[in-house]
C-alpha atoms as a PDB file:
ATOM      1  CA  MET A   1      53.025 329.157  23.365  1.00  0.00           C
ATOM      2  CA  PHE A   2      56.627 329.306  22.146  1.00  0.00           C
ATOM      3  CA  ASP A   3      59.484 329.478  24.581  1.00  0.00           C
ATOM      4  CA  LEU A   4      62.659 331.206  23.410  1.00  0.00           C
ATOM      5  CA  GLY A   5      64.317 327.930  22.410  1.00  0.00           C
ATOM      6  CA  ARG A   6      61.442 326.969  20.136  1.00  0.00           C
ATOM      7  CA  SER A   7      61.376 330.458  18.616  1.00  0.00           C
ATOM      8  CA  PHE A   8      65.091 330.106  17.785  1.00  0.00           C
ATOM      9  CA  LEU A   9      64.426 326.681  16.235  1.00  0.00           C
ATOM     10  CA  ALA A  10      61.729 328.262  14.077  1.00  0.00           C
ATOM     11  CA  ALA A  11      64.251 330.867  12.862  1.00  0.00           C
ATOM     12  CA  VAL A  12      66.753 328.094  12.050  1.00  0.00           C
ATOM     13  CA  GLU A  13      64.105 326.256  10.021  1.00  0.00           C
ATOM     14  CA  ARG A  14      62.889 329.394   8.219  1.00  0.00           C
ATOM     15  CA  ARG A  15      66.258 330.916   7.337  1.00  0.00           C
ATOM     16  CA  PRO A  16      69.115 328.472   8.038  1.00  0.00           C
ATOM     17  CA  ASN A  17      71.673 330.364   5.921  1.00  0.00           C
ATOM     18  CA  ALA A  18      70.810 333.893   7.076  1.00  0.00           C
ATOM     19  CA  ILE A  19      73.350 335.653   9.297  1.00  0.00           C
ATOM     20  CA  ALA A  20      72.259 335.136  12.902  1.00  0.00           C
ATOM     21  CA  ILE A  21      75.170 336.677  14.774  1.00  0.00           C
ATOM     22  CA  SER A  22      78.060 338.952  13.968  1.00  0.00           C
ATOM     23  CA  ASP A  23      80.951 339.778  16.292  1.00  0.00           C
ATOM     24  CA  GLY A  24      83.773 341.688  14.623  1.00  0.00           C
ATOM     25  CA  ASP A  25      84.961 339.553  11.707  1.00  0.00           C
ATOM     26  CA  LEU A  26      82.982 336.522  12.911  1.00  0.00           C
ATOM     27  CA  LYS A  27      79.664 335.897  11.185  1.00  0.00           C
ATOM     28  CA  LYS A  28      77.536 332.789  11.711  1.00  0.00           C
ATOM     29  CA  SER A  29      74.371 331.596  10.044  1.00  0.00           C
ATOM     30  CA  TYR A  30      71.433 330.393  12.113  1.00  0.00           C
ATOM     31  CA  GLU A  31      72.308 326.790  11.254  1.00  0.00           C
ATOM     32  CA  ALA A  32      75.992 327.118  12.218  1.00  0.00           C
ATOM     33  CA  TRP A  33      75.232 329.064  15.385  1.00  0.00           C
ATOM     34  CA  PHE A  34      72.538 326.574  16.402  1.00  0.00           C
ATOM     35  CA  SER A  35      75.202 323.864  16.241  1.00  0.00           C
ATOM     36  CA  ASP A  36      77.454 325.940  18.553  1.00  0.00           C
ATOM     37  CA  ILE A  37      74.555 326.568  20.938  1.00  0.00           C
ATOM     38  CA  GLN A  38      73.697 322.870  21.120  1.00  0.00           C
ATOM     39  CA  ARG A  39      77.344 321.948  21.795  1.00  0.00           C
ATOM     40  CA  ALA A  40      77.472 324.572  24.572  1.00  0.00           C
ATOM     41  CA  ALA A  41      74.241 323.219  26.095  1.00  0.00           C
ATOM     42  CA  HIS A  42      75.662 319.700  25.939  1.00  0.00           C
ATOM     43  CA  GLY A  43      78.880 320.950  27.563  1.00  0.00           C
ATOM     44  CA  LEU A  44      76.930 322.522  30.417  1.00  0.00           C
ATOM     45  CA  GLU A  45      75.138 319.223  30.968  1.00  0.00           C
ATOM     46  CA  ARG A  46      78.495 317.392  30.939  1.00  0.00           C
ATOM     47  CA  LEU A  47      79.544 319.725  33.779  1.00  0.00           C
ATOM     48  CA  GLY A  48      76.608 318.337  35.743  1.00  0.00           C
ATOM     49  CA  LEU A  49      74.169 321.207  35.248  1.00  0.00           C
ATOM     50  CA  LYS A  50      70.559 320.278  34.670  1.00  0.00           C
ATOM     51  CA  LYS A  51      67.251 322.076  34.208  1.00  0.00           C
ATOM     52  CA  GLY A  52      66.724 324.511  37.073  1.00  0.00           C
ATOM     53  CA  ASP A  53      70.406 324.757  38.062  1.00  0.00           C
ATOM     54  CA  HIS A  54      72.099 328.155  38.199  1.00  0.00           C
ATOM     55  CA  LEU A  55      75.227 329.551  36.582  1.00  0.00           C
ATOM     56  CA  VAL A  56      76.757 333.020  36.683  1.00  0.00           C
ATOM     57  CA  ALA A  57      78.192 334.646  33.558  1.00  0.00           C
ATOM     58  CA  VAL A  58      80.438 337.655  33.944  1.00  0.00           C
ATOM     59  CA  MET A  59      81.806 338.864  30.633  1.00  0.00           C
ATOM     60  CA  GLN A  60      81.506 341.574  28.033  1.00  0.00           C
ATOM     61  CA  ASN A  61      79.040 341.346  25.161  1.00  0.00           C
ATOM     62  CA  ARG A  62      80.468 338.841  22.703  1.00  0.00           C
ATOM     63  CA  TRP A  63      79.261 335.896  20.654  1.00  0.00           C
ATOM     64  CA  GLN A  64      80.221 333.430  23.410  1.00  0.00           C
ATOM     65  CA  MET A  65      77.955 335.265  25.885  1.00  0.00           C
ATOM     66  CA  ALA A  66      75.052 335.162  23.426  1.00  0.00           C
ATOM     67  CA  THR A  67      75.764 331.475  22.747  1.00  0.00           C
ATOM     68  CA  LEU A  68      75.652 330.699  26.469  1.00  0.00           C
ATOM     69  CA  HIS A  69      72.406 332.637  26.835  1.00  0.00           C
ATOM     70  CA  TRP A  70      70.782 330.496  24.153  1.00  0.00           C
ATOM     71  CA  ALA A  71      72.349 327.280  25.497  1.00  0.00           C
ATOM     72  CA  CYS A  72      70.726 328.027  28.853  1.00  0.00           C
ATOM     73  CA  GLN A  73      67.396 328.737  27.135  1.00  0.00           C
ATOM     74  CA  PHE A  74      67.509 325.344  25.428  1.00  0.00           C
ATOM     75  CA  SER A  75      68.615 323.400  28.496  1.00  0.00           C
ATOM     76  CA  GLY A  76      66.484 325.140  31.128  1.00  0.00           C
ATOM     77  CA  ILE A  77      69.525 326.314  33.092  1.00  0.00           C
ATOM     78  CA  ILE A  78      69.116 329.640  34.896  1.00  0.00           C
ATOM     79  CA  MET A  79      71.795 332.106  33.860  1.00  0.00           C
ATOM     80  CA  THR A  80      72.562 335.123  36.027  1.00  0.00           C
ATOM     81  CA  PRO A  81      74.533 337.654  33.961  1.00  0.00           C
ATOM     82  CA  LEU A  82      76.726 340.024  35.962  1.00  0.00           C
ATOM     83  CA  ASN A  83      78.428 343.206  34.872  1.00  0.00           C
ATOM     84  CA  TRP A  84      81.977 342.505  33.719  1.00  0.00           C
ATOM     85  CA  ARG A  85      83.154 345.342  35.971  1.00  0.00           C
ATOM     86  CA  SER A  86      82.018 343.473  39.102  1.00  0.00           C
ATOM     87  CA  SER A  87      84.543 343.290  41.926  1.00  0.00           C
ATOM     88  CA  ALA A  88      85.680 340.022  43.489  1.00  0.00           C
ATOM     89  CA  ASP A  89      83.451 340.691  46.527  1.00  0.00           C
ATOM     90  CA  GLU A  90      80.393 341.400  44.358  1.00  0.00           C
ATOM     91  CA  LEU A  91      81.035 338.314  42.248  1.00  0.00           C
ATOM     92  CA  ALA A  92      81.450 336.101  45.319  1.00  0.00           C
ATOM     93  CA  TRP A  93      78.305 337.468  46.952  1.00  0.00           C
ATOM     94  CA  CYS A  94      76.138 337.172  43.817  1.00  0.00           C
ATOM     95  CA  THR A  95      77.432 333.691  42.971  1.00  0.00           C
ATOM     96  CA  ASN A  96      76.720 332.443  46.481  1.00  0.00           C
ATOM     97  CA  ASP A  97      73.314 334.157  46.604  1.00  0.00           C
ATOM     98  CA  ALA A  98      72.305 332.669  43.235  1.00  0.00           C
ATOM     99  CA  GLU A  99      73.574 329.248  44.382  1.00  0.00           C
ATOM    100  CA  ALA A 100      75.442 329.034  41.095  1.00  0.00           C
ATOM    101  CA  ARG A 101      77.267 325.811  40.347  1.00  0.00           C
ATOM    102  CA  VAL A 102      79.366 327.238  37.489  1.00  0.00           C
ATOM    103  CA  VAL A 103      80.972 330.632  36.794  1.00  0.00           C
ATOM    104  CA  ILE A 104      81.638 331.590  33.179  1.00  0.00           C
ATOM    105  CA  HIS A 105      83.882 334.569  32.477  1.00  0.00           C
ATOM    106  CA  ASP A 106      86.165 336.248  29.973  1.00  0.00           C
ATOM    107  CA  ASP A 107      89.437 338.151  30.407  1.00  0.00           C
ATOM    108  CA  SER A 108      87.591 341.318  31.482  1.00  0.00           C
ATOM    109  CA  ALA A 109      86.482 339.540  34.694  1.00  0.00           C
ATOM    110  CA  GLN A 110      89.444 337.189  35.142  1.00  0.00           C
ATOM    111  CA  GLU A 111      90.929 339.309  37.933  1.00  0.00           C
ATOM    112  CA  ALA A 112      87.634 339.326  39.877  1.00  0.00           C
ATOM    113  CA  VAL A 113      87.221 335.563  39.478  1.00  0.00           C
ATOM    114  CA  ALA A 114      90.800 334.912  40.568  1.00  0.00           C
ATOM    115  CA  GLY A 115      90.407 337.428  43.426  1.00  0.00           C
ATOM    116  CA  CYS A 116      87.491 335.493  44.893  1.00  0.00           C
ATOM    117  CA  GLY A 117      89.897 332.768  45.992  1.00  0.00           C
ATOM    118  CA  ARG A 118      87.303 330.088  45.293  1.00  0.00           C
ATOM    119  CA  SER A 119      89.263 327.261  43.737  1.00  0.00           C
ATOM    120  CA  THR A 120      86.262 324.935  44.151  1.00  0.00           C
ATOM    121  CA  TRP A 121      84.117 326.847  41.645  1.00  0.00           C
ATOM    122  CA  GLN A 122      83.811 325.155  38.297  1.00  0.00           C
ATOM    123  CA  CYS A 123      84.815 327.864  35.829  1.00  0.00           C
ATOM    124  CA  VAL A 124      84.491 328.136  32.090  1.00  0.00           C
ATOM    125  CA  SER A 125      86.913 330.698  30.704  1.00  0.00           C
ATOM    126  CA  VAL A 126      86.897 332.629  27.464  1.00  0.00           C
ATOM    127  CA  GLY A 127      90.575 333.573  27.663  1.00  0.00           C
ATOM    128  CA  GLN A 128      92.710 333.226  30.796  1.00  0.00           C
ATOM    129  CA  PRO A 129      91.489 330.684  33.390  1.00  0.00           C
ATOM    130  CA  GLY A 130      90.043 332.109  36.605  1.00  0.00           C
ATOM    131  CA  ASN A 131      91.158 329.209  38.795  1.00  0.00           C
ATOM    132  CA  ASP A 132      92.742 325.758  38.668  1.00  0.00           C
ATOM    133  CA  ASN A 133      89.325 324.173  38.101  1.00  0.00           C
ATOM    134  CA  ALA A 134      88.669 326.032  34.827  1.00  0.00           C
ATOM    135  CA  ILE A 135      88.001 324.693  31.359  1.00  0.00           C
ATOM    136  CA  SER A 136      88.042 326.744  28.171  1.00  0.00           C
ATOM    137  CA  PHE A 137      84.955 327.713  26.200  1.00  0.00           C
ATOM    138  CA  GLU A 138      86.322 325.549  23.377  1.00  0.00           C
ATOM    139  CA  GLU A 139      86.454 322.540  25.723  1.00  0.00           C
ATOM    140  CA  LEU A 140      82.883 323.259  26.838  1.00  0.00           C
ATOM    141  CA  CYS A 141      81.743 323.150  23.198  1.00  0.00           C
ATOM    142  CA  ALA A 142      83.923 320.209  22.119  1.00  0.00           C
ATOM    143  CA  GLU A 143      81.207 317.520  21.834  1.00  0.00           C
ATOM    144  CA  THR A 144      78.097 317.419  19.694  1.00  0.00           C
ATOM    145  CA  PRO A 145      74.997 316.061  21.478  1.00  0.00           C
ATOM    146  CA  SER A 146      73.365 312.924  20.092  1.00  0.00           C
ATOM    147  CA  GLU A 147      69.955 314.629  20.031  1.00  0.00           C
ATOM    148  CA  ILE A 148      68.582 318.179  20.062  1.00  0.00           C
ATOM    149  CA  ILE A 149      68.620 319.622  23.566  1.00  0.00           C
ATOM    150  CA  LEU A 150      65.314 321.363  24.308  1.00  0.00           C
ATOM    151  CA  ARG A 151      64.584 320.942  28.003  1.00  0.00           C
ATOM    152  CA  ALA A 152      62.909 324.282  28.740  1.00  0.00           C
ATOM    153  CA  ASP A 153      59.145 324.083  29.094  1.00  0.00           C
ATOM    154  CA  PRO A 154      57.101 327.304  28.893  1.00  0.00           C
ATOM    155  CA  ARG A 155      54.264 325.746  30.923  1.00  0.00           C
ATOM    156  CA  GLY A 156      56.591 325.260  33.888  1.00  0.00           C
ATOM    157  CA  LEU A 157      58.243 328.691  33.682  1.00  0.00           C
ATOM    158  CA  VAL A 158      58.270 330.604  36.948  1.00  0.00           C
ATOM    159  CA  VAL A 159      60.201 333.846  37.023  1.00  0.00           C
ATOM    160  CA  ASP A 160      62.203 334.038  40.221  1.00  0.00           C
ATOM    161  CA  ALA A 161      62.417 337.750  41.013  1.00  0.00           C
ATOM    162  CA  LEU A 162      65.198 337.183  43.522  1.00  0.00           C
ATOM    163  CA  HIS A 163      67.526 335.872  40.812  1.00  0.00           C
ATOM    164  CA  LEU A 164      66.751 338.627  38.313  1.00  0.00           C
ATOM    165  CA  ARG A 165      68.117 341.299  40.620  1.00  0.00           C
ATOM    166  CA  HIS A 166      71.846 340.713  40.120  1.00  0.00           C
ATOM    167  CA  HIS A 167      72.301 342.968  37.108  1.00  0.00           C
ATOM    168  CA  GLN A 168      73.472 346.000  39.046  1.00  0.00           C
ATOM    169  CA  PRO A 169      75.232 344.997  42.255  1.00  0.00           C
ATOM    170  CA  ALA A 170      75.732 347.952  44.564  1.00  0.00           C
ATOM    171  CA  GLN A 171      78.441 347.981  47.198  1.00  0.00           C
ATOM    172  CA  GLY A 172      78.768 344.209  47.343  1.00  0.00           C
ATOM    173  CA  ARG A 173      75.044 343.525  47.560  1.00  0.00           C
ATOM    174  CA  ALA A 174      72.542 342.972  44.810  1.00  0.00           C
ATOM    175  CA  ALA A 175      69.712 345.463  44.507  1.00  0.00           C
ATOM    176  CA  PRO A 176      66.262 344.329  45.674  1.00  0.00           C
ATOM    177  CA  PRO A 177      63.419 343.976  43.163  1.00  0.00           C
ATOM    178  CA  PRO A 178      61.847 347.296  42.112  1.00  0.00           C
ATOM    179  CA  ARG A 179      59.339 348.731  44.561  1.00  0.00           C
ATOM    180  CA  ARG A 180      56.423 348.477  42.126  1.00  0.00           C
ATOM    181  CA  THR A 181      57.042 344.735  41.811  1.00  0.00           C
ATOM    182  CA  ARG A 182      56.949 344.159  45.558  1.00  0.00           C
ATOM    183  CA  ARG A 183      53.855 346.327  46.021  1.00  0.00           C
ATOM    184  CA  ARG A 184      51.740 344.595  43.385  1.00  0.00           C
ATOM    185  CA  GLY A 185      53.087 341.138  44.083  1.00  0.00           C
ATOM    186  CA  ARG A 186      53.724 340.383  40.415  1.00  0.00           C
ATOM    187  CA  PRO A 187      56.925 338.734  39.215  1.00  0.00           C
ATOM    188  CA  LEU A 188      59.501 340.778  37.369  1.00  0.00           C
ATOM    189  CA  SER A 189      59.420 340.749  33.606  1.00  0.00           C
ATOM    190  CA  ALA A 190      61.963 338.584  31.821  1.00  0.00           C
ATOM    191  CA  GLU A 191      62.198 341.008  28.876  1.00  0.00           C
ATOM    192  CA  HIS A 192      65.936 341.421  29.280  1.00  0.00           C
ATOM    193  CA  VAL A 193      66.577 337.744  28.608  1.00  0.00           C
END
Protein backbone atom coordinates (compact mmCIF):
# COMPACT_ATOMS: atom_id res chain seq x y z
CA MET A 1 0.00 0.00 0.00
CA PHE A 2 1.28 3.46 -0.93
CA ASP A 3 1.12 6.30 1.53
CA LEU A 4 0.84 9.81 0.12
CA GLY A 5 4.58 10.43 0.35
CA ARG A 6 5.39 7.35 -1.71
CA SER A 7 2.73 8.27 -4.27
CA PHE A 8 4.36 11.70 -4.66
CA LEU A 9 7.77 10.04 -5.08
CA ALA A 10 6.30 7.87 -7.82
CA ALA A 11 5.05 11.01 -9.62
CA VAL A 12 8.52 12.59 -9.30
CA GLU A 13 10.10 9.48 -10.83
CA ARG A 14 7.52 9.18 -13.63
CA ARG A 15 7.38 12.83 -14.70
CA PRO A 16 10.16 14.87 -13.03
CA ASN A 17 9.86 17.82 -15.45
CA ALA A 18 6.06 18.04 -15.55
CA ILE A 19 4.45 21.03 -13.83
CA ALA A 20 3.43 19.91 -10.34
CA ILE A 21 2.24 23.18 -8.84
CA SER A 22 1.26 26.59 -10.11
CA ASP A 23 0.56 29.65 -7.97
CA GLY A 24 0.18 32.86 -9.94
CA ASP A 25 3.40 33.32 -11.92
CA LEU A 26 5.18 30.58 -9.96
CA LYS A 27 5.38 27.18 -11.64
CA LYS A 28 7.42 24.26 -10.31
CA SER A 29 8.15 20.85 -11.74
CA TYR A 30 7.74 17.73 -9.63
CA GLU A 31 11.51 17.51 -9.22
CA ALA A 32 11.93 21.15 -8.13
CA TRP A 33 8.93 21.05 -5.82
CA PHE A 34 10.08 17.78 -4.27
CA SER A 35 13.33 19.54 -3.35
CA ASP A 36 11.33 22.34 -1.66
CA ILE A 37 9.16 19.80 0.17
CA GLN A 38 12.20 17.92 1.46
CA ARG A 39 13.83 21.15 2.67
CA ALA A 40 10.59 22.09 4.46
CA ALA A 41 10.40 18.64 6.09
CA HIS A 42 14.03 18.98 7.17
CA GLY A 43 13.27 22.46 8.55
CA LEU A 44 10.36 21.11 10.60
CA GLU A 45 12.66 18.45 12.04
CA ARG A 46 15.26 21.13 12.85
CA LEU A 47 12.52 22.87 14.86
CA GLY A 48 12.30 19.70 16.94
CA LEU A 49 9.19 18.19 15.37
CA LYS A 50 9.21 14.45 14.85
CA LYS A 51 6.81 11.80 13.58
CA GLY A 52 3.52 12.06 15.47
CA ASP A 53 4.01 15.67 16.60
CA HIS A 54 1.37 18.28 15.77
CA LEU A 55 1.52 21.64 14.04
CA VAL A 56 -1.21 24.11 13.14
CA ALA A 57 -1.25 25.89 9.77
CA VAL A 58 -3.46 28.92 9.34
CA MET A 59 -3.08 30.51 5.93
CA GLN A 60 -4.76 30.95 2.59
CA ASN A 61 -4.30 28.46 -0.24
CA ARG A 62 -0.83 29.05 -1.65
CA TRP A 63 2.16 27.00 -2.73
CA GLN A 64 3.75 27.26 0.73
CA MET A 65 0.65 25.68 2.31
CA ALA A 66 0.73 22.82 -0.20
CA THR A 67 4.48 22.42 0.40
CA LEU A 68 3.93 22.17 4.15
CA HIS A 69 1.15 19.63 3.63
CA TRP A 70 3.51 17.40 1.66
CA ALA A 71 6.41 18.00 4.08
CA CYS A 72 4.17 16.73 6.88
CA GLN A 73 3.17 13.71 4.78
CA PHE A 74 6.82 12.80 4.27
CA SER A 75 7.87 13.36 7.87
CA GLY A 76 4.84 11.88 9.64
CA ILE A 77 3.99 15.18 11.35
CA ILE A 78 0.28 15.79 11.95
CA MET A 79 -0.85 19.04 10.39
CA THR A 80 -4.07 20.69 11.52
CA PRO A 81 -5.12 23.27 8.91
CA LEU A 82 -7.30 26.10 10.21
CA ASN A 83 -9.34 28.62 8.29
CA TRP A 84 -7.33 31.79 7.69
CA ARG A 85 -10.30 33.79 9.00
CA SER A 86 -9.96 32.23 12.47
CA SER A 87 -10.02 34.65 15.39
CA ALA A 88 -7.26 34.83 17.99
CA ASP A 89 -9.49 32.95 20.48
CA GLU A 90 -10.27 30.18 17.97
CA LEU A 91 -6.62 29.86 17.02
CA ALA A 92 -5.51 29.68 20.66
CA TRP A 93 -8.16 27.10 21.52
CA CYS A 94 -7.47 24.88 18.50
CA THR A 95 -3.69 25.09 18.91
CA ASN A 96 -3.92 24.12 22.57
CA ASP A 97 -6.46 21.36 21.88
CA ALA A 98 -4.29 19.89 19.10
CA GLU A 99 -1.23 20.14 21.37
CA ALA A 100 0.57 21.80 18.48
CA ARG A 101 4.23 22.59 18.94
CA VAL A 102 4.47 24.96 15.95
CA VAL A 103 2.09 27.46 14.32
CA ILE A 104 2.60 28.30 10.65
CA HIS A 105 0.77 31.29 9.21
CA ASP A 106 0.72 33.91 6.48
CA ASP A 107 -0.23 37.60 6.53
CA SER A 108 -3.95 36.77 6.39
CA ALA A 109 -3.72 35.27 9.91
CA GLN A 110 -0.91 37.43 11.31
CA GLU A 111 -3.33 39.52 13.37
CA ALA A 112 -4.90 36.42 14.96
CA VAL A 113 -1.49 34.92 15.75
CA ALA A 114 -0.26 38.18 17.26
CA GLY A 115 -3.58 38.60 19.13
CA CYS A 116 -3.13 35.28 20.91
CA GLY A 117 -0.36 36.82 23.00
CA ARG A 118 1.56 33.54 23.00
CA SER A 119 5.17 34.57 22.59
CA THR A 120 6.29 31.03 23.50
CA TRP A 121 4.79 29.48 20.36
CA GLN A 122 7.33 28.62 17.71
CA CYS A 123 5.98 30.32 14.59
CA VAL A 124 6.87 30.00 10.95
CA SER A 125 5.69 33.03 9.00
CA VAL A 126 5.01 33.51 5.32
CA GLY A 127 5.12 37.30 5.49
CA GLN A 128 5.00 39.31 8.72
CA PRO A 129 6.10 37.47 11.89
CA GLY A 130 3.36 36.56 14.36
CA ASN A 131 5.57 36.84 17.44
CA ASP A 132 9.16 37.35 18.55
CA ASN A 133 9.82 33.61 18.26
CA ALA A 134 9.04 33.45 14.52
CA ILE A 135 11.20 32.35 11.63
CA SER A 136 10.41 32.92 7.96
CA PHE A 137 9.31 30.20 5.56
CA GLU A 138 12.58 30.82 3.69
CA GLU A 139 14.56 30.13 6.88
CA LEU A 140 12.54 26.94 7.43
CA CYS A 141 13.52 25.74 3.94
CA ALA A 142 17.14 26.95 4.03
CA GLU A 143 18.89 23.57 4.42
CA THR A 144 18.82 20.52 2.19
CA PRO A 145 18.59 17.20 4.08
CA SER A 146 21.41 14.70 3.65
CA GLU A 147 18.94 11.93 2.79
CA ILE A 148 15.34 11.64 1.58
CA ILE A 149 12.90 12.17 4.43
CA LEU A 150 10.16 9.53 4.32
CA ARG A 151 9.12 8.78 7.89
CA ALA A 152 5.40 8.16 7.39
CA ASP A 153 4.41 4.51 7.50
CA PRO A 154 1.00 3.48 6.12
CA ARG A 155 0.94 0.36 8.32
CA GLY A 156 1.06 2.51 11.45
CA LEU A 157 -1.51 5.08 10.29
CA VAL A 158 -4.30 5.73 12.76
CA VAL A 159 -6.71 8.52 11.94
CA ASP A 160 -7.37 10.56 15.05
CA ALA A 161 -10.92 11.85 14.62
CA LEU A 162 -10.45 14.40 17.38
CA HIS A 163 -7.73 16.19 15.42
CA LEU A 164 -9.61 16.20 12.12
CA ARG A 165 -12.39 18.33 13.55
CA HIS A 166 -10.66 21.71 13.55
CA HIS A 167 -11.57 22.74 10.01
CA GLN A 168 -14.62 24.78 10.96
CA PRO A 169 -14.27 26.24 14.44
CA ALA A 170 -17.56 27.62 15.72
CA GLN A 171 -17.69 30.28 18.40
CA GLY A 172 -14.24 29.50 19.77
CA ARG A 173 -14.74 25.75 19.91
CA ALA A 174 -14.04 23.13 17.30
CA ALA A 175 -16.98 21.14 16.00
CA PRO A 176 -17.31 17.54 17.21
CA PRO A 177 -16.96 14.66 14.73
CA PRO A 178 -20.05 14.09 12.56
CA ARG A 179 -22.85 12.16 14.22
CA ARG A 180 -22.64 9.24 11.78
CA THR A 181 -18.99 8.75 12.73
CA ARG A 182 -19.72 8.57 16.45
CA ARG A 183 -22.70 6.25 15.96
CA ARG A 184 -20.86 3.67 13.86
CA GLY A 185 -17.60 3.97 15.73
CA ARG A 186 -15.53 4.28 12.56
CA PRO A 187 -12.75 6.84 12.19
CA LEU A 188 -13.27 9.86 9.99
CA SER A 189 -12.03 9.69 6.44
CA ALA A 190 -8.78 11.46 5.64
CA GLU A 191 -9.93 12.33 2.10
CA HIS A 192 -9.39 16.03 2.63
CA VAL A 193 -5.67 15.57 3.23
